[in-house]
Amino acid sequence: MDELSGKVAVVTGAASGIGLALTRAFAAEGMKVVMADIEADALDKAVADLPEGTESLPVVCDVGDGAQVEALRDAAVERFGAVHVVCNNAGVSAGGPIWEQSIEDWEWVLRVNLWGVIHGMRAFTPLMIEQGEGHIVNTASMAGLLSAPFMGIYNVSKHGVVTLSETLHADLQLTGATGVGVSVLCPGWVNTRIHEAGRNRPGGVDPVQMADEGMRELIASVIAAGIDPADVAAMVVDAVKTRRFYVLTHPDWTRFAAERTQRIVDGEDPIVASLPMAPTD
């Protein structure tokens, strides 16, 4: 899909971070944008800050609810007549030793990070097949290719997104629906507020549940030093135009994924420290 102008993009988690950057990048390409987010006030502000002349539709949506994602699709089609790009991007995080995570931790993170993508895939893929064109971008993470300590639930959710995306790509190819492209976005550290995702957690539970205060401060510092979300969005736009599947934002990190794969092949134990705790590019 090398020409995006005049087409329609749907982005979840669109009021902040990577989602907001994606929305702005698509708008800069001349696309009409449907912005979905669970935070109504932040969504209104994000829409107001779009470039002048952008055709947009804000939709308050909990991606963990399949009915709400289907309603998002229907609202987009009713307003603009089609959807050409969908970014299943909304995400949250929790951390700490994996045995200390509560059932509520697991349910919340998997509901947003994995089920949100599943709902988006189920709602939009048939529409794109019927149209004969489209592109689905699923936001995973380098945590979907690695298994870093103290990130167990997040790792599980993002590994799920990677394999879901790979399988979706294969299914589309084998059923002849080659007009629909798929990309999986696997960023490293990006300067977003994901470590503050607990602000939207049901019941208003305290934000990120890391092992201790020192760990919380470390995570906040490495995220703050991460790359600009706008740089990630530019890579995604290019991937959509060129139909590139894997979108890896940190070239220096690919060696960690390669090492993990080699250890599997060699029958070795997993490496303990899988993610750099400082920027590497």
Foldseek 3Di string as FASTA:
>chain_A
DQQLAAAEEEFEPCLWFLNVLLQQVSVVSNYAYEYEYQDPVSQVVSVVPHPPPHHYHYDHAQLLDLVRLLVSVVVRCVVRVAHAEYELEDFAFAWAAPVPDDPLRLCQRLSRLASSVVSNCVNRVVRQLVVLAHEYEYEAAVLLLAPAHGGHSSSVSRVNSVVVQVVVQVVCVVVVSVRYFYAYEHEYQEQIVNQQRLCPRPPSPHGHHYHDPVVSVLSNVQNNQHHYSNQSSVQVVVCSNVRPHYHYDQVVLVVLSVVQVVCVVVVHDGDHHRGDSHDDD
